[in-house]
PDB file of all heavy atoms in Angstrom:
ATOM      1  N   ALA A   1       4.464  -7.655   0.869  1.00  0.00           N
ATOM      2  CA  ALA A   1       4.198  -6.796   1.974  1.00  0.00           C
ATOM      3  C   ALA A   1       5.328  -5.633   1.983  1.00  0.00           C
ATOM      4  O   ALA A   1       4.976  -4.560   2.454  1.00  0.00           O
ATOM      5  CB  ALA A   1       4.322  -7.587   3.320  1.00  0.00           C
ATOM      6  N   ALA A   2       6.553  -5.931   1.647  1.00  0.00           N
ATOM      7  CA  ALA A   2       7.563  -4.898   1.596  1.00  0.00           C
ATOM      8  C   ALA A   2       7.226  -3.866   0.585  1.00  0.00           C
ATOM      9  O   ALA A   2       7.525  -2.682   0.798  1.00  0.00           O
ATOM     10  CB  ALA A   2       8.928  -5.583   1.344  1.00  0.00           C
ATOM     11  N   ARG A   3       6.649  -4.321  -0.534  1.00  0.00           N
ATOM     12  CA  ARG A   3       6.254  -3.395  -1.578  1.00  0.00           C
ATOM     13  C   ARG A   3       5.146  -2.396  -1.052  1.00  0.00           C
ATOM     14  O   ARG A   3       5.190  -1.248  -1.275  1.00  0.00           O
ATOM     15  CB  ARG A   3       5.768  -4.092  -2.815  1.00  0.00           C
ATOM     16  CG  ARG A   3       6.872  -4.632  -3.645  1.00  0.00           C
ATOM     17  CD  ARG A   3       6.434  -4.744  -5.122  1.00  0.00           C
ATOM     18  NE  ARG A   3       5.144  -5.337  -5.387  1.00  0.00           N
ATOM     19  CZ  ARG A   3       4.948  -6.632  -5.689  1.00  0.00           C
ATOM     20  NH1 ARG A   3       5.987  -7.479  -5.579  1.00  0.00           N
ATOM     21  NH2 ARG A   3       3.728  -7.091  -5.858  1.00  0.00           N
ATOM     22  N   VAL A   4       4.268  -2.975  -0.311  1.00  0.00           N
ATOM     23  CA  VAL A   4       3.151  -2.175   0.278  1.00  0.00           C
ATOM     24  C   VAL A   4       3.723  -1.194   1.248  1.00  0.00           C
ATOM     25  O   VAL A   4       3.364   0.064   1.227  1.00  0.00           O
ATOM     26  CB  VAL A   4       2.134  -3.092   0.992  1.00  0.00           C
ATOM     27  CG1 VAL A   4       1.091  -2.170   1.745  1.00  0.00           C
ATOM     28  CG2 VAL A   4       1.399  -3.977   0.050  1.00  0.00           C
ATOM     29  N   LEU A   5       4.657  -1.530   2.074  1.00  0.00           N
ATOM     30  CA  LEU A   5       5.307  -0.678   3.023  1.00  0.00           C
ATOM     31  C   LEU A   5       6.057   0.478   2.290  1.00  0.00           C
ATOM     32  O   LEU A   5       6.009   1.621   2.709  1.00  0.00           O
ATOM     33  CB  LEU A   5       6.234  -1.412   3.958  1.00  0.00           C
ATOM     34  CG  LEU A   5       6.535  -0.844   5.320  1.00  0.00           C
ATOM     35  CD1 LEU A   5       5.262  -0.685   6.111  1.00  0.00           C
ATOM     36  CD2 LEU A   5       7.581  -1.731   6.025  1.00  0.00           C
ATOM     37  N   ALA A   6       6.742   0.090   1.243  1.00  0.00           N
ATOM     38  CA  ALA A   6       7.515   1.102   0.440  1.00  0.00           C
ATOM     39  C   ALA A   6       6.504   2.120  -0.171  1.00  0.00           C
ATOM     40  O   ALA A   6       6.708   3.348  -0.225  1.00  0.00           O
ATOM     41  CB  ALA A   6       8.356   0.424  -0.664  1.00  0.00           C
ATOM     42  N   ALA A   7       5.395   1.587  -0.747  1.00  0.00           N
ATOM     43  CA  ALA A   7       4.378   2.504  -1.365  1.00  0.00           C
ATOM     44  C   ALA A   7       3.729   3.382  -0.328  1.00  0.00           C
ATOM     45  O   ALA A   7       3.448   4.584  -0.561  1.00  0.00           O
ATOM     46  CB  ALA A   7       3.349   1.660  -2.108  1.00  0.00           C
ATOM     47  N   LEU A   8       3.606   2.945   0.908  1.00  0.00           N
ATOM     48  CA  LEU A   8       2.974   3.780   1.901  1.00  0.00           C
ATOM     49  C   LEU A   8       3.758   4.968   2.162  1.00  0.00           C
ATOM     50  O   LEU A   8       3.282   6.086   2.524  1.00  0.00           O
ATOM     51  CB  LEU A   8       2.789   2.905   3.228  1.00  0.00           C
ATOM     52  CG  LEU A   8       2.128   3.583   4.455  1.00  0.00           C
ATOM     53  CD1 LEU A   8       0.743   4.031   4.078  1.00  0.00           C
ATOM     54  CD2 LEU A   8       2.075   2.624   5.560  1.00  0.00           C
ATOM     55  N   GLY A   9       5.152   4.808   2.090  1.00  0.00           N
ATOM     56  CA  GLY A   9       5.992   5.921   2.334  1.00  0.00           C
ATOM     57  C   GLY A   9       5.964   7.028   1.245  1.00  0.00           C
ATOM     58  O   GLY A   9       6.530   8.122   1.452  1.00  0.00           O
ATOM     59  N   GLU A  10       5.226   6.772   0.165  1.00  0.00           N
ATOM     60  CA  GLU A  10       5.179   7.772  -0.978  1.00  0.00           C
ATOM     61  C   GLU A  10       3.946   8.719  -0.682  1.00  0.00           C
ATOM     62  O   GLU A  10       3.878   9.741  -1.444  1.00  0.00           O
ATOM     63  CB  GLU A  10       4.979   7.082  -2.283  1.00  0.00           C
ATOM     64  CG  GLU A  10       6.116   6.205  -2.699  1.00  0.00           C
ATOM     65  CD  GLU A  10       5.857   5.366  -3.925  1.00  0.00           C
ATOM     66  OE1 GLU A  10       4.773   5.621  -4.512  1.00  0.00           O
ATOM     67  OE2 GLU A  10       6.658   4.483  -4.281  1.00  0.00           O
ATOM     68  N   PHE A  11       3.153   8.422   0.287  1.00  0.00           N
ATOM     69  CA  PHE A  11       1.948   9.259   0.562  1.00  0.00           C
ATOM     70  C   PHE A  11       2.224  10.252   1.653  1.00  0.00           C
ATOM     71  O   PHE A  11       2.892   9.895   2.666  1.00  0.00           O
ATOM     72  CB  PHE A  11       0.744   8.400   0.871  1.00  0.00           C
ATOM     73  CG  PHE A  11       0.238   7.603  -0.292  1.00  0.00           C
ATOM     74  CD1 PHE A  11       0.693   6.298  -0.493  1.00  0.00           C
ATOM     75  CD2 PHE A  11      -0.772   8.125  -1.119  1.00  0.00           C
ATOM     76  CE1 PHE A  11       0.164   5.556  -1.473  1.00  0.00           C
ATOM     77  CE2 PHE A  11      -1.249   7.358  -2.171  1.00  0.00           C
ATOM     78  CZ  PHE A  11      -0.728   6.088  -2.430  1.00  0.00           C
ATOM     79  N   ASP A  12       1.712  11.496   1.510  1.00  0.00           N
ATOM     80  CA  ASP A  12       1.869  12.472   2.642  1.00  0.00           C
ATOM     81  C   ASP A  12       0.872  12.232   3.718  1.00  0.00           C
ATOM     82  O   ASP A  12       1.136  12.654   4.838  1.00  0.00           O
ATOM     83  CB  ASP A  12       1.610  13.923   2.081  1.00  0.00           C
ATOM     84  CG  ASP A  12       2.663  14.342   1.057  1.00  0.00           C
ATOM     85  OD1 ASP A  12       3.802  13.889   1.165  1.00  0.00           O
ATOM     86  OD2 ASP A  12       2.399  15.041   0.103  1.00  0.00           O
ATOM     87  N   ARG A  13      -0.183  11.599   3.453  1.00  0.00           N
ATOM     88  CA  ARG A  13      -1.157  11.347   4.550  1.00  0.00           C
ATOM     89  C   ARG A  13      -1.616   9.895   4.401  1.00  0.00           C
ATOM     90  O   ARG A  13      -1.400   9.303   3.362  1.00  0.00           O
ATOM     91  CB  ARG A  13      -2.403  12.256   4.374  1.00  0.00           C
ATOM     92  CG  ARG A  13      -3.235  12.105   3.161  1.00  0.00           C
ATOM     93  CD  ARG A  13      -4.524  12.892   3.225  1.00  0.00           C
ATOM     94  NE  ARG A  13      -4.387  14.258   2.848  1.00  0.00           N
ATOM     95  CZ  ARG A  13      -5.296  15.172   2.870  1.00  0.00           C
ATOM     96  NH1 ARG A  13      -6.484  14.790   3.377  1.00  0.00           N
ATOM     97  NH2 ARG A  13      -5.071  16.349   2.500  1.00  0.00           N
ATOM     98  N   PRO A  14      -2.282   9.283   5.452  1.00  0.00           N
ATOM     99  CA  PRO A  14      -2.703   7.919   5.322  1.00  0.00           C
ATOM    100  C   PRO A  14      -3.605   7.692   4.109  1.00  0.00           C
ATOM    101  O   PRO A  14      -4.644   8.253   3.949  1.00  0.00           O
ATOM    102  CB  PRO A  14      -3.523   7.662   6.679  1.00  0.00           C
ATOM    103  CG  PRO A  14      -2.920   8.680   7.521  1.00  0.00           C
ATOM    104  CD  PRO A  14      -2.607   9.837   6.762  1.00  0.00           C
ATOM    105  N   PRO A  15      -3.202   6.791   3.190  1.00  0.00           N
ATOM    106  CA  PRO A  15      -4.005   6.546   1.961  1.00  0.00           C
ATOM    107  C   PRO A  15      -5.109   5.558   2.181  1.00  0.00           C
ATOM    108  O   PRO A  15      -5.046   4.704   2.989  1.00  0.00           O
ATOM    109  CB  PRO A  15      -2.963   6.044   0.943  1.00  0.00           C
ATOM    110  CG  PRO A  15      -2.000   5.303   1.868  1.00  0.00           C
ATOM    111  CD  PRO A  15      -1.965   6.024   3.147  1.00  0.00           C
ATOM    112  N   PRO A  16      -6.084   5.581   1.285  1.00  0.00           N
ATOM    113  CA  PRO A  16      -7.176   4.576   1.339  1.00  0.00           C
ATOM    114  C   PRO A  16      -6.549   3.190   0.972  1.00  0.00           C
ATOM    115  O   PRO A  16      -5.637   3.171   0.206  1.00  0.00           O
ATOM    116  CB  PRO A  16      -8.178   5.019   0.235  1.00  0.00           C
ATOM    117  CG  PRO A  16      -7.885   6.447   0.103  1.00  0.00           C
ATOM    118  CD  PRO A  16      -6.464   6.665   0.396  1.00  0.00           C
ATOM    119  N   VAL A  17      -7.097   2.176   1.557  1.00  0.00           N
ATOM    120  CA  VAL A  17      -6.610   0.786   1.399  1.00  0.00           C
ATOM    121  C   VAL A  17      -6.558   0.449  -0.117  1.00  0.00           C
ATOM    122  O   VAL A  17      -5.495  -0.015  -0.681  1.00  0.00           O
ATOM    123  CB  VAL A  17      -7.475  -0.236   2.076  1.00  0.00           C
ATOM    124  CG1 VAL A  17      -7.150  -1.635   1.673  1.00  0.00           C
ATOM    125  CG2 VAL A  17      -7.365  -0.112   3.662  1.00  0.00           C
ATOM    126  N   ARG A  18      -7.585   0.699  -0.791  1.00  0.00           N
ATOM    127  CA  ARG A  18      -7.630   0.367  -2.291  1.00  0.00           C
ATOM    128  C   ARG A  18      -6.540   1.040  -3.055  1.00  0.00           C
ATOM    129  O   ARG A  18      -5.855   0.430  -3.924  1.00  0.00           O
ATOM    130  CB  ARG A  18      -8.977   0.756  -2.865  1.00  0.00           C
ATOM    131  CG  ARG A  18      -9.207   0.462  -4.328  1.00  0.00           C
ATOM    132  CD  ARG A  18     -10.548   0.964  -4.852  1.00  0.00           C
ATOM    133  NE  ARG A  18     -10.672   2.441  -4.563  1.00  0.00           N
ATOM    134  CZ  ARG A  18     -10.115   3.346  -5.297  1.00  0.00           C
ATOM    135  NH1 ARG A  18      -9.363   3.040  -6.318  1.00  0.00           N
ATOM    136  NH2 ARG A  18     -10.360   4.678  -4.943  1.00  0.00           N
ATOM    137  N   LEU A  19      -6.276   2.382  -2.813  1.00  0.00           N
ATOM    138  CA  LEU A  19      -5.255   3.127  -3.487  1.00  0.00           C
ATOM    139  C   LEU A  19      -3.924   2.680  -3.274  1.00  0.00           C
ATOM    140  O   LEU A  19      -3.088   2.526  -4.136  1.00  0.00           O
ATOM    141  CB  LEU A  19      -5.453   4.617  -3.160  1.00  0.00           C
ATOM    142  CG  LEU A  19      -4.571   5.627  -3.870  1.00  0.00           C
ATOM    143  CD1 LEU A  19      -4.830   5.609  -5.401  1.00  0.00           C
ATOM    144  CD2 LEU A  19      -4.720   7.010  -3.432  1.00  0.00           C
ATOM    145  N   LEU A  20      -3.669   2.288  -1.990  1.00  0.00           N
ATOM    146  CA  LEU A  20      -2.384   1.780  -1.558  1.00  0.00           C
ATOM    147  C   LEU A  20      -2.088   0.469  -2.283  1.00  0.00           C
ATOM    148  O   LEU A  20      -0.948   0.227  -2.790  1.00  0.00           O
ATOM    149  CB  LEU A  20      -2.275   1.639  -0.081  1.00  0.00           C
ATOM    150  CG  LEU A  20      -0.979   1.052   0.535  1.00  0.00           C
ATOM    151  CD1 LEU A  20       0.175   1.947   0.155  1.00  0.00           C
ATOM    152  CD2 LEU A  20      -1.102   0.773   2.006  1.00  0.00           C
ATOM    153  N   LEU A  21      -3.015  -0.389  -2.285  1.00  0.00           N
ATOM    154  CA  LEU A  21      -2.801  -1.706  -2.862  1.00  0.00           C
ATOM    155  C   LEU A  21      -2.603  -1.570  -4.397  1.00  0.00           C
ATOM    156  O   LEU A  21      -1.828  -2.347  -5.016  1.00  0.00           O
ATOM    157  CB  LEU A  21      -3.925  -2.725  -2.562  1.00  0.00           C
ATOM    158  CG  LEU A  21      -4.045  -3.046  -1.057  1.00  0.00           C
ATOM    159  CD1 LEU A  21      -5.204  -3.959  -0.819  1.00  0.00           C
ATOM    160  CD2 LEU A  21      -2.801  -3.726  -0.537  1.00  0.00           C
ATOM    161  N   GLU A  22      -3.311  -0.669  -5.024  1.00  0.00           N
ATOM    162  CA  GLU A  22      -3.118  -0.479  -6.418  1.00  0.00           C
ATOM    163  C   GLU A  22      -1.716   0.059  -6.687  1.00  0.00           C
ATOM    164  O   GLU A  22      -1.052  -0.384  -7.678  1.00  0.00           O
ATOM    165  CB  GLU A  22      -4.149   0.535  -6.953  1.00  0.00           C
ATOM    166  CG  GLU A  22      -5.584  -0.010  -7.146  1.00  0.00           C
ATOM    167  CD  GLU A  22      -6.526   1.024  -7.588  1.00  0.00           C
ATOM    168  OE1 GLU A  22      -6.081   2.165  -7.784  1.00  0.00           O
ATOM    169  OE2 GLU A  22      -7.732   0.735  -7.765  1.00  0.00           O
ATOM    170  N   ARG A  23      -1.206   0.940  -5.918  1.00  0.00           N
ATOM    171  CA  ARG A  23       0.105   1.544  -6.077  1.00  0.00           C
ATOM    172  C   ARG A  23       1.147   0.446  -5.897  1.00  0.00           C
ATOM    173  O   ARG A  23       2.194   0.437  -6.620  1.00  0.00           O
ATOM    174  CB  ARG A  23       0.284   2.735  -5.092  1.00  0.00           C
ATOM    175  CG  ARG A  23       1.711   3.393  -5.131  1.00  0.00           C
ATOM    176  CD  ARG A  23       1.843   4.303  -6.331  1.00  0.00           C
ATOM    177  NE  ARG A  23       0.904   5.324  -6.273  1.00  0.00           N
ATOM    178  CZ  ARG A  23       1.048   6.567  -5.614  1.00  0.00           C
ATOM    179  NH1 ARG A  23       2.173   6.687  -5.044  1.00  0.00           N
ATOM    180  NH2 ARG A  23       0.192   7.464  -5.666  1.00  0.00           N
ATOM    181  N   ALA A  24       1.023  -0.435  -4.936  1.00  0.00           N
ATOM    182  CA  ALA A  24       1.996  -1.407  -4.634  1.00  0.00           C
ATOM    183  C   ALA A  24       1.764  -2.710  -5.489  1.00  0.00           C
ATOM    184  O   ALA A  24       2.686  -3.662  -5.430  1.00  0.00           O
ATOM    185  CB  ALA A  24       1.947  -1.880  -3.143  1.00  0.00           C
ATOM    186  N   GLU A  25       0.700  -2.784  -6.274  1.00  0.00           N
ATOM    187  CA  GLU A  25       0.406  -3.889  -7.042  1.00  0.00           C
ATOM    188  C   GLU A  25       0.429  -5.171  -6.113  1.00  0.00           C
ATOM    189  O   GLU A  25       1.104  -6.221  -6.413  1.00  0.00           O
ATOM    190  CB  GLU A  25       1.370  -4.097  -8.162  1.00  0.00           C
ATOM    191  CG  GLU A  25       1.270  -2.961  -9.240  1.00  0.00           C
ATOM    192  CD  GLU A  25       2.248  -3.178 -10.361  1.00  0.00           C
ATOM    193  OE1 GLU A  25       3.084  -4.073 -10.330  1.00  0.00           O
ATOM    194  OE2 GLU A  25       2.082  -2.338 -11.324  1.00  0.00           O
ATOM    195  N   ALA A  26      -0.328  -5.108  -5.006  1.00  0.00           N
ATOM    196  CA  ALA A  26      -0.308  -6.275  -4.056  1.00  0.00           C
ATOM    197  C   ALA A  26      -1.816  -6.508  -3.682  1.00  0.00           C
ATOM    198  O   ALA A  26      -2.715  -5.799  -4.007  1.00  0.00           O
ATOM    199  CB  ALA A  26       0.492  -5.825  -2.831  1.00  0.00           C
ATOM    200  N   SER A  27      -2.019  -7.567  -2.950  1.00  0.00           N
ATOM    201  CA  SER A  27      -3.327  -8.008  -2.465  1.00  0.00           C
ATOM    202  C   SER A  27      -3.586  -7.640  -1.068  1.00  0.00           C
ATOM    203  O   SER A  27      -2.606  -7.237  -0.338  1.00  0.00           O
ATOM    204  CB  SER A  27      -3.465  -9.498  -2.647  1.00  0.00           C
ATOM    205  OG  SER A  27      -2.569 -10.151  -1.807  1.00  0.00           O
ATOM    206  N   ARG A  28      -4.770  -7.852  -0.585  1.00  0.00           N
ATOM    207  CA  ARG A  28      -5.006  -7.585   0.899  1.00  0.00           C
ATOM    208  C   ARG A  28      -4.274  -8.506   1.743  1.00  0.00           C
ATOM    209  O   ARG A  28      -4.015  -8.240   2.944  1.00  0.00           O
ATOM    210  CB  ARG A  28      -6.530  -7.732   1.100  1.00  0.00           C
ATOM    211  CG  ARG A  28      -7.349  -6.541   0.476  1.00  0.00           C
ATOM    212  CD  ARG A  28      -8.794  -6.590   0.847  1.00  0.00           C
ATOM    213  NE  ARG A  28      -9.555  -5.519   0.242  1.00  0.00           N
ATOM    214  CZ  ARG A  28      -9.727  -4.340   0.805  1.00  0.00           C
ATOM    215  NH1 ARG A  28      -9.305  -4.102   2.109  1.00  0.00           N
ATOM    216  NH2 ARG A  28     -10.394  -3.420   0.227  1.00  0.00           N
ATOM    217  N   ALA A  29      -3.906  -9.689   1.269  1.00  0.00           N
ATOM    218  CA  ALA A  29      -3.058 -10.693   2.065  1.00  0.00           C
ATOM    219  C   ALA A  29      -1.765  -9.980   2.545  1.00  0.00           C
ATOM    220  O   ALA A  29      -1.363 -10.219   3.706  1.00  0.00           O
ATOM    221  CB  ALA A  29      -2.779 -11.929   1.332  1.00  0.00           C
ATOM    222  N   ALA A  30      -1.079  -9.227   1.598  1.00  0.00           N
ATOM    223  CA  ALA A  30       0.108  -8.561   1.948  1.00  0.00           C
ATOM    224  C   ALA A  30      -0.124  -7.481   3.033  1.00  0.00           C
ATOM    225  O   ALA A  30       0.710  -7.300   3.990  1.00  0.00           O
ATOM    226  CB  ALA A  30       0.669  -7.840   0.744  1.00  0.00           C
ATOM    227  N   LEU A  31      -1.303  -6.855   3.026  1.00  0.00           N
ATOM    228  CA  LEU A  31      -1.660  -5.829   4.013  1.00  0.00           C
ATOM    229  C   LEU A  31      -1.856  -6.567   5.330  1.00  0.00           C
ATOM    230  O   LEU A  31      -1.463  -5.997   6.480  1.00  0.00           O
ATOM    231  CB  LEU A  31      -2.825  -5.074   3.610  1.00  0.00           C
ATOM    232  CG  LEU A  31      -3.113  -3.725   4.338  1.00  0.00           C
ATOM    233  CD1 LEU A  31      -2.004  -2.826   4.339  1.00  0.00           C
ATOM    234  CD2 LEU A  31      -4.385  -3.099   3.825  1.00  0.00           C
ATOM    235  N   LYS A  32      -2.470  -7.688   5.349  1.00  0.00           N
ATOM    236  CA  LYS A  32      -2.746  -8.426   6.568  1.00  0.00           C
ATOM    237  C   LYS A  32      -1.370  -8.831   7.261  1.00  0.00           C
ATOM    238  O   LYS A  32      -1.245  -8.816   8.465  1.00  0.00           O
ATOM    239  CB  LYS A  32      -3.477  -9.741   6.274  1.00  0.00           C
ATOM    240  CG  LYS A  32      -4.974  -9.466   5.900  1.00  0.00           C
ATOM    241  CD  LYS A  32      -5.767  -9.093   7.170  1.00  0.00           C
ATOM    242  CE  LYS A  32      -7.215  -8.915   6.891  1.00  0.00           C
ATOM    243  NZ  LYS A  32      -7.908  -8.488   8.155  1.00  0.00           N
TER     244      LYS A  32
END
């Protein structure tokens, strides 16, 4: 989940769910 949060900070605008999880190499459970 921390990796997802860190990856979110790399985007200028809200990213699509799929793109964010690919960048963070995480699953939807981490987003939940």
